[in-house]
All heavy atoms as atom14 arrays in JSON, in Angstrom:
{
  "sequence": "VWLAASEHPSGRFWHDREERPTHILPRTRESEDE",
  "atom14_mask": [
    [1, 1, 1, 1, 1, 1, 1, 0, 0, 0, 0, 0, 0, 0],
    [1, 1, 1, 1, 1, 1, 1, 1, 1, 1, 1, 1, 1, 1],
    [1, 1, 1, 1, 1, 1, 1, 1, 0, 0, 0, 0, 0, 0],
    [1, 1, 1, 1, 1, 0, 0, 0, 0, 0, 0, 0, 0, 0],
    [1, 1, 1, 1, 1, 0, 0, 0, 0, 0, 0, 0, 0, 0],
    [1, 1, 1, 1, 1, 1, 0, 0, 0, 0, 0, 0, 0, 0],
    [1, 1, 1, 1, 1, 1, 1, 1, 1, 0, 0, 0, 0, 0],
    [1, 1, 1, 1, 1, 1, 1, 1, 1, 1, 0, 0, 0, 0],
    [1, 1, 1, 1, 1, 1, 1, 0, 0, 0, 0, 0, 0, 0],
    [1, 1, 1, 1, 1, 1, 0, 0, 0, 0, 0, 0, 0, 0],
    [1, 1, 1, 1, 0, 0, 0, 0, 0, 0, 0, 0, 0, 0],
    [1, 1, 1, 1, 1, 1, 1, 1, 1, 1, 1, 0, 0, 0],
    [1, 1, 1, 1, 1, 1, 1, 1, 1, 1, 1, 0, 0, 0],
    [1, 1, 1, 1, 1, 1, 1, 1, 1, 1, 1, 1, 1, 1],
    [1, 1, 1, 1, 1, 1, 1, 1, 1, 1, 0, 0, 0, 0],
    [1, 1, 1, 1, 1, 1, 1, 1, 0, 0, 0, 0, 0, 0],
    [1, 1, 1, 1, 1, 1, 1, 1, 1, 1, 1, 0, 0, 0],
    [1, 1, 1, 1, 1, 1, 1, 1, 1, 0, 0, 0, 0, 0],
    [1, 1, 1, 1, 1, 1, 1, 1, 1, 0, 0, 0, 0, 0],
    [1, 1, 1, 1, 1, 1, 1, 1, 1, 1, 1, 0, 0, 0],
    [1, 1, 1, 1, 1, 1, 1, 0, 0, 0, 0, 0, 0, 0],
    [1, 1, 1, 1, 1, 1, 1, 0, 0, 0, 0, 0, 0, 0],
    [1, 1, 1, 1, 1, 1, 1, 1, 1, 1, 0, 0, 0, 0],
    [1, 1, 1, 1, 1, 1, 1, 1, 0, 0, 0, 0, 0, 0],
    [1, 1, 1, 1, 1, 1, 1, 1, 0, 0, 0, 0, 0, 0],
    [1, 1, 1, 1, 1, 1, 1, 0, 0, 0, 0, 0, 0, 0],
    [1, 1, 1, 1, 1, 1, 1, 1, 1, 1, 1, 0, 0, 0],
    [1, 1, 1, 1, 1, 1, 1, 0, 0, 0, 0, 0, 0, 0],
    [1, 1, 1, 1, 1, 1, 1, 1, 1, 1, 1, 0, 0, 0],
    [1, 1, 1, 1, 1, 1, 1, 1, 1, 0, 0, 0, 0, 0],
    [1, 1, 1, 1, 1, 1, 0, 0, 0, 0, 0, 0, 0, 0],
    [1, 1, 1, 1, 1, 1, 1, 1, 1, 0, 0, 0, 0, 0],
    [1, 1, 1, 1, 1, 1, 1, 1, 0, 0, 0, 0, 0, 0],
    [1, 1, 1, 1, 1, 1, 1, 1, 1, 0, 0, 0, 0, 0]
  ],
  "atom14_positions": [
    [[91.57, 91.75, 94.76], [91.39, 91.69, 93.3], [91.68, 93.04, 92.67], [92.31, 93.13, 91.61], [89.96, 91.21, 92.97], [89.78, 91.07, 91.46], [89.68, 89.87, 93.67], [0.0, 0.0, 0.0], [0.0, 0.0, 0.0], [0.0, 0.0, 0.0], [0.0, 0.0, 0.0], [0.0, 0.0, 0.0], [0.0, 0.0, 0.0], [0.0, 0.0, 0.0]],
    [[91.26, 94.11, 93.31], [91.53, 95.47, 92.81], [93.03, 95.74, 92.71], [93.49, 96.3, 91.72], [90.85, 96.46, 93.74], [91.11, 97.91, 93.46], [90.53, 98.68, 92.5], [92.01, 98.77, 94.18], [91.01, 99.97, 92.56], [91.91, 100.05, 93.58], [92.86, 98.58, 95.26], [92.66, 101.14, 94.04], [93.6, 99.66, 95.73], [93.5, 100.93, 95.11]],
    [[93.79, 95.35, 93.73], [95.24, 95.55, 93.7], [95.89, 94.75, 92.58], [96.88, 95.19, 91.99], [95.85, 95.14, 95.04], [95.63, 96.09, 96.22], [96.01, 95.42, 97.53], [96.43, 97.38, 96.02], [0.0, 0.0, 0.0], [0.0, 0.0, 0.0], [0.0, 0.0, 0.0], [0.0, 0.0, 0.0], [0.0, 0.0, 0.0], [0.0, 0.0, 0.0]],
    [[95.36, 93.57, 92.3], [95.95, 92.7, 91.29], [95.54, 93.06, 89.87], [96.29, 92.81, 88.92], [95.56, 91.25, 91.57], [0.0, 0.0, 0.0], [0.0, 0.0, 0.0], [0.0, 0.0, 0.0], [0.0, 0.0, 0.0], [0.0, 0.0, 0.0], [0.0, 0.0, 0.0], [0.0, 0.0, 0.0], [0.0, 0.0, 0.0], [0.0, 0.0, 0.0]],
    [[94.37, 93.64, 89.72], [93.82, 93.88, 88.38], [94.4, 95.1, 87.69], [94.28, 95.25, 86.48], [92.3, 94.0, 88.46], [0.0, 0.0, 0.0], [0.0, 0.0, 0.0], [0.0, 0.0, 0.0], [0.0, 0.0, 0.0], [0.0, 0.0, 0.0], [0.0, 0.0, 0.0], [0.0, 0.0, 0.0], [0.0, 0.0, 0.0], [0.0, 0.0, 0.0]],
    [[95.01, 96.01, 88.45], [95.59, 97.22, 87.87], [96.81, 97.62, 88.69], [97.04, 97.09, 89.78], [94.56, 98.35, 87.82], [93.97, 98.55, 89.09], [0.0, 0.0, 0.0], [0.0, 0.0, 0.0], [0.0, 0.0, 0.0], [0.0, 0.0, 0.0], [0.0, 0.0, 0.0], [0.0, 0.0, 0.0], [0.0, 0.0, 0.0], [0.0, 0.0, 0.0]],
    [[97.59, 98.56, 88.19], [98.84, 98.94, 88.85], [98.61, 99.98, 89.95], [97.83, 100.92, 89.77], [99.83, 99.46, 87.82], [100.27, 98.4, 86.81], [101.35, 98.9, 85.87], [102.36, 99.45, 86.36], [101.18, 98.76, 84.64], [0.0, 0.0, 0.0], [0.0, 0.0, 0.0], [0.0, 0.0, 0.0], [0.0, 0.0, 0.0], [0.0, 0.0, 0.0]],
    [[99.31, 99.78, 91.07], [99.23, 100.68, 92.22], [100.62, 100.82, 92.83], [101.48, 99.95, 92.63], [98.25, 100.13, 93.26], [96.89, 99.86, 92.72], [95.95, 100.86, 92.53], [96.31, 98.72, 92.27], [94.85, 100.34, 92.02], [95.04, 99.04, 91.85], [0.0, 0.0, 0.0], [0.0, 0.0, 0.0], [0.0, 0.0, 0.0], [0.0, 0.0, 0.0]],
    [[100.89, 101.88, 93.59], [102.21, 102.07, 94.18], [102.61, 100.9, 95.07], [101.81, 100.41, 95.87], [102.05, 103.36, 95.0], [100.9, 104.07, 94.38], [99.98, 103.01, 93.89], [0.0, 0.0, 0.0], [0.0, 0.0, 0.0], [0.0, 0.0, 0.0], [0.0, 0.0, 0.0], [0.0, 0.0, 0.0], [0.0, 0.0, 0.0], [0.0, 0.0, 0.0]],
    [[103.85, 100.46, 94.94], [104.34, 99.31, 95.69], [104.69, 99.68, 97.12], [105.01, 100.83, 97.43], [105.57, 98.74, 94.98], [106.03, 97.56, 95.6], [0.0, 0.0, 0.0], [0.0, 0.0, 0.0], [0.0, 0.0, 0.0], [0.0, 0.0, 0.0], [0.0, 0.0, 0.0], [0.0, 0.0, 0.0], [0.0, 0.0, 0.0], [0.0, 0.0, 0.0]],
    [[104.62, 98.68, 98.01], [105.06, 98.87, 99.38], [104.06, 99.54, 100.28], [104.4, 99.95, 101.4], [0.0, 0.0, 0.0], [0.0, 0.0, 0.0], [0.0, 0.0, 0.0], [0.0, 0.0, 0.0], [0.0, 0.0, 0.0], [0.0, 0.0, 0.0], [0.0, 0.0, 0.0], [0.0, 0.0, 0.0], [0.0, 0.0, 0.0], [0.0, 0.0, 0.0]],
    [[102.81, 99.66, 99.87], [101.79, 100.36, 100.67], [100.85, 99.34, 101.35], [100.82, 98.16, 101.0], [100.98, 101.3, 99.8], [101.82, 102.2, 98.89], [102.64, 103.22, 99.65], [103.5, 103.98, 98.76], [103.11, 105.06, 98.05], [101.85, 105.47, 98.14], [103.97, 105.7, 97.29], [0.0, 0.0, 0.0], [0.0, 0.0, 0.0], [0.0, 0.0, 0.0]],
    [[100.07, 99.84, 102.29], [99.09, 99.04, 103.03], [97.7, 99.55, 102.67], [97.45, 100.76, 102.74], [99.36, 99.16, 104.53], [98.46, 98.31, 105.39], [98.46, 96.94, 105.29], [97.62, 98.92, 106.33], [97.63, 96.16, 106.1], [96.81, 98.15, 107.16], [96.81, 96.76, 107.03], [0.0, 0.0, 0.0], [0.0, 0.0, 0.0], [0.0, 0.0, 0.0]],
    [[96.78, 98.65, 102.33], [95.5, 99.05, 101.75], [94.32, 98.43, 102.49], [94.42, 97.34, 103.04], [95.43, 98.62, 100.28], [96.57, 99.06, 99.44], [97.79, 98.45, 99.3], [96.64, 100.24, 98.61], [98.59, 99.16, 98.43], [97.91, 100.26, 98.0], [95.73, 101.27, 98.33], [98.3, 101.27, 97.14], [96.12, 102.28, 97.46], [97.39, 102.27, 96.87]],
    [[93.2, 99.13, 102.42], [91.92, 98.61, 102.91], [90.82, 99.32, 102.13], [90.83, 100.56, 102.01], [91.77, 98.86, 104.41], [90.4, 98.56, 104.95], [89.83, 97.31, 104.85], [89.47, 99.35, 105.58], [88.62, 97.35, 105.41], [88.38, 98.56, 105.85], [0.0, 0.0, 0.0], [0.0, 0.0, 0.0], [0.0, 0.0, 0.0], [0.0, 0.0, 0.0]],
    [[89.89, 98.55, 101.6], [88.78, 99.12, 100.82], [89.26, 100.11, 99.76], [88.78, 101.26, 99.69], [87.77, 99.78, 101.76], [86.87, 98.75, 102.45], [86.9, 97.57, 102.05], [86.13, 99.12, 103.38], [0.0, 0.0, 0.0], [0.0, 0.0, 0.0], [0.0, 0.0, 0.0], [0.0, 0.0, 0.0], [0.0, 0.0, 0.0], [0.0, 0.0, 0.0]],
    [[90.23, 99.65, 98.96], [90.74, 100.38, 97.8], [91.37, 101.73, 98.12], [91.47, 102.6, 97.25], [89.62, 100.59, 96.75], [89.01, 99.3, 96.23], [88.21, 99.56, 94.96], [87.48, 98.38, 94.52], [86.82, 98.29, 93.37], [86.81, 99.33, 92.54], [86.17, 97.19, 93.04], [0.0, 0.0, 0.0], [0.0, 0.0, 0.0], [0.0, 0.0, 0.0]],
    [[91.81, 101.91, 99.36], [92.51, 103.13, 99.74], [93.75, 102.77, 100.56], [93.74, 101.81, 101.33], [91.61, 104.05, 100.58], [90.51, 104.74, 99.79], [91.01, 105.85, 98.89], [92.13, 106.36, 99.14], [90.29, 106.21, 97.95], [0.0, 0.0, 0.0], [0.0, 0.0, 0.0], [0.0, 0.0, 0.0], [0.0, 0.0, 0.0], [0.0, 0.0, 0.0]],
    [[94.8, 103.58, 100.39], [95.99, 103.39, 101.21], [95.68, 103.76, 102.66], [95.0, 104.75, 102.92], [97.13, 104.26, 100.69], [98.42, 104.07, 101.45], [99.53, 104.96, 100.97], [99.37, 105.62, 99.91], [100.57, 105.04, 101.67], [0.0, 0.0, 0.0], [0.0, 0.0, 0.0], [0.0, 0.0, 0.0], [0.0, 0.0, 0.0], [0.0, 0.0, 0.0]],
    [[96.19, 102.96, 103.59], [95.96, 103.19, 105.01], [97.3, 103.3, 105.74], [98.31, 102.77, 105.28], [95.15, 102.04, 105.62], [93.86, 101.71, 104.88], [92.84, 102.82, 104.98], [91.7, 102.55, 104.09], [90.66, 103.34, 103.94], [90.59, 104.46, 104.64], [89.68, 103.01, 103.11], [0.0, 0.0, 0.0], [0.0, 0.0, 0.0], [0.0, 0.0, 0.0]],
    [[97.31, 103.95, 106.9], [98.54, 103.98, 107.7], [98.87, 102.59, 108.22], [97.97, 101.76, 108.42], [98.19, 104.94, 108.84], [96.7, 104.85, 108.96], [96.2, 104.65, 107.56], [0.0, 0.0, 0.0], [0.0, 0.0, 0.0], [0.0, 0.0, 0.0], [0.0, 0.0, 0.0], [0.0, 0.0, 0.0], [0.0, 0.0, 0.0], [0.0, 0.0, 0.0]],
    [[100.15, 102.32, 108.47], [100.52, 101.02, 109.02], [100.59, 101.05, 110.55], [100.69, 100.0, 111.18], [101.88, 100.57, 108.46], [102.85, 101.6, 108.69], [101.78, 100.31, 106.97], [0.0, 0.0, 0.0], [0.0, 0.0, 0.0], [0.0, 0.0, 0.0], [0.0, 0.0, 0.0], [0.0, 0.0, 0.0], [0.0, 0.0, 0.0], [0.0, 0.0, 0.0]],
    [[100.56, 102.25, 111.13], [100.58, 102.38, 112.59], [99.54, 103.4, 113.02], [99.38, 104.44, 112.4], [101.95, 102.84, 113.09], [103.05, 101.86, 112.84], [103.33, 100.81, 113.67], [103.94, 101.77, 111.81], [104.35, 100.12, 113.19], [104.73, 100.67, 112.07], [0.0, 0.0, 0.0], [0.0, 0.0, 0.0], [0.0, 0.0, 0.0], [0.0, 0.0, 0.0]],
    [[98.86, 103.07, 114.11], [97.96, 104.02, 114.77], [98.49, 104.33, 116.16], [98.45, 105.47, 116.61], [96.53, 103.45, 114.85], [95.95, 103.28, 113.44], [95.63, 104.37, 115.67], [94.58, 102.64, 113.41], [0.0, 0.0, 0.0], [0.0, 0.0, 0.0], [0.0, 0.0, 0.0], [0.0, 0.0, 0.0], [0.0, 0.0, 0.0], [0.0, 0.0, 0.0]],
    [[99.02, 103.32, 116.83], [99.55, 103.47, 118.18], [101.07, 103.6, 118.14], [101.74, 102.77, 117.52], [99.15, 102.27, 119.04], [97.65, 101.96, 119.11], [97.42, 100.64, 119.84], [96.9, 103.09, 119.78], [0.0, 0.0, 0.0], [0.0, 0.0, 0.0], [0.0, 0.0, 0.0], [0.0, 0.0, 0.0], [0.0, 0.0, 0.0], [0.0, 0.0, 0.0]],
    [[101.64, 104.61, 118.8], [103.1, 104.77, 118.8], [103.85, 103.54, 119.3], [104.95, 103.24, 118.82], [103.33, 105.98, 119.73], [102.04, 106.74, 119.68], [100.97, 105.71, 119.54], [0.0, 0.0, 0.0], [0.0, 0.0, 0.0], [0.0, 0.0, 0.0], [0.0, 0.0, 0.0], [0.0, 0.0, 0.0], [0.0, 0.0, 0.0], [0.0, 0.0, 0.0]],
    [[103.28, 102.8, 120.24], [103.99, 101.67, 120.83], [104.19, 100.51, 119.86], [104.97, 99.6, 120.15], [103.23, 101.17, 122.07], [101.86, 100.57, 121.77], [101.21, 100.03, 123.04], [99.86, 99.53, 122.8], [99.58, 98.34, 122.3], [100.56, 97.51, 121.95], [98.31, 97.97, 122.14], [0.0, 0.0, 0.0], [0.0, 0.0, 0.0], [0.0, 0.0, 0.0]],
    [[103.5, 100.53, 118.73], [103.66, 99.43, 117.78], [104.78, 99.67, 116.78], [105.1, 98.77, 115.99], [102.36, 99.19, 116.99], [102.1, 100.33, 116.15], [101.18, 98.96, 117.93], [0.0, 0.0, 0.0], [0.0, 0.0, 0.0], [0.0, 0.0, 0.0], [0.0, 0.0, 0.0], [0.0, 0.0, 0.0], [0.0, 0.0, 0.0], [0.0, 0.0, 0.0]],
    [[105.39, 100.83, 116.8], [106.42, 101.15, 115.79], [107.69, 100.36, 116.04], [108.14, 100.24, 117.18], [106.72, 102.65, 115.79], [105.53, 103.48, 115.34], [105.89, 104.95, 115.16], [104.72, 105.7, 114.73], [104.3, 105.79, 113.47], [105.0, 105.2, 112.51], [103.22, 106.48, 113.16], [0.0, 0.0, 0.0], [0.0, 0.0, 0.0], [0.0, 0.0, 0.0]],
    [[108.26, 99.85, 114.96], [109.48, 99.07, 115.04], [110.67, 99.92, 114.6], [110.51, 100.9, 113.88], [109.4, 97.81, 114.16], [109.42, 98.08, 112.67], [108.09, 98.54, 112.1], [107.06, 98.41, 112.8], [108.08, 99.02, 110.95], [0.0, 0.0, 0.0], [0.0, 0.0, 0.0], [0.0, 0.0, 0.0], [0.0, 0.0, 0.0], [0.0, 0.0, 0.0]],
    [[111.86, 99.54, 115.05], [113.08, 100.25, 114.65], [113.63, 99.65, 113.36], [113.24, 98.55, 112.95], [114.13, 100.13, 115.76], [114.56, 98.78, 115.89], [0.0, 0.0, 0.0], [0.0, 0.0, 0.0], [0.0, 0.0, 0.0], [0.0, 0.0, 0.0], [0.0, 0.0, 0.0], [0.0, 0.0, 0.0], [0.0, 0.0, 0.0], [0.0, 0.0, 0.0]],
    [[114.55, 100.36, 112.74], [115.2, 99.82, 111.54], [115.97, 98.56, 111.88], [116.03, 97.63, 111.07], [116.13, 100.88, 110.94], [115.41, 101.97, 110.18], [114.6, 101.43, 109.0], [115.1, 100.52, 108.3], [113.46, 101.89, 108.81], [0.0, 0.0, 0.0], [0.0, 0.0, 0.0], [0.0, 0.0, 0.0], [0.0, 0.0, 0.0], [0.0, 0.0, 0.0]],
    [[116.56, 98.52, 113.05], [117.29, 97.32, 113.46], [116.34, 96.13, 113.57], [116.68, 95.01, 113.15], [117.99, 97.56, 114.8], [118.74, 96.33, 115.27], [119.72, 95.93, 114.61], [118.33, 95.75, 116.31], [0.0, 0.0, 0.0], [0.0, 0.0, 0.0], [0.0, 0.0, 0.0], [0.0, 0.0, 0.0], [0.0, 0.0, 0.0], [0.0, 0.0, 0.0]],
    [[115.16, 96.34, 114.12], [114.18, 95.25, 114.23], [113.74, 94.77, 112.85], [113.55, 93.57, 112.63], [112.98, 95.7, 115.05], [113.27, 95.85, 116.54], [112.11, 96.42, 117.3], [111.54, 97.44, 116.85], [111.76, 95.86, 118.36], [0.0, 0.0, 0.0], [0.0, 0.0, 0.0], [0.0, 0.0, 0.0], [0.0, 0.0, 0.0], [0.0, 0.0, 0.0]]
  ]
}
């Protein structure tokens, strides 16, 4: 609801009203080709 009710930067990953990293473990990173 917070993301929808006001404007925030596009393309980000959020949890509890804060931007979060999309990766913690190196092995989960995808390539541009993927």
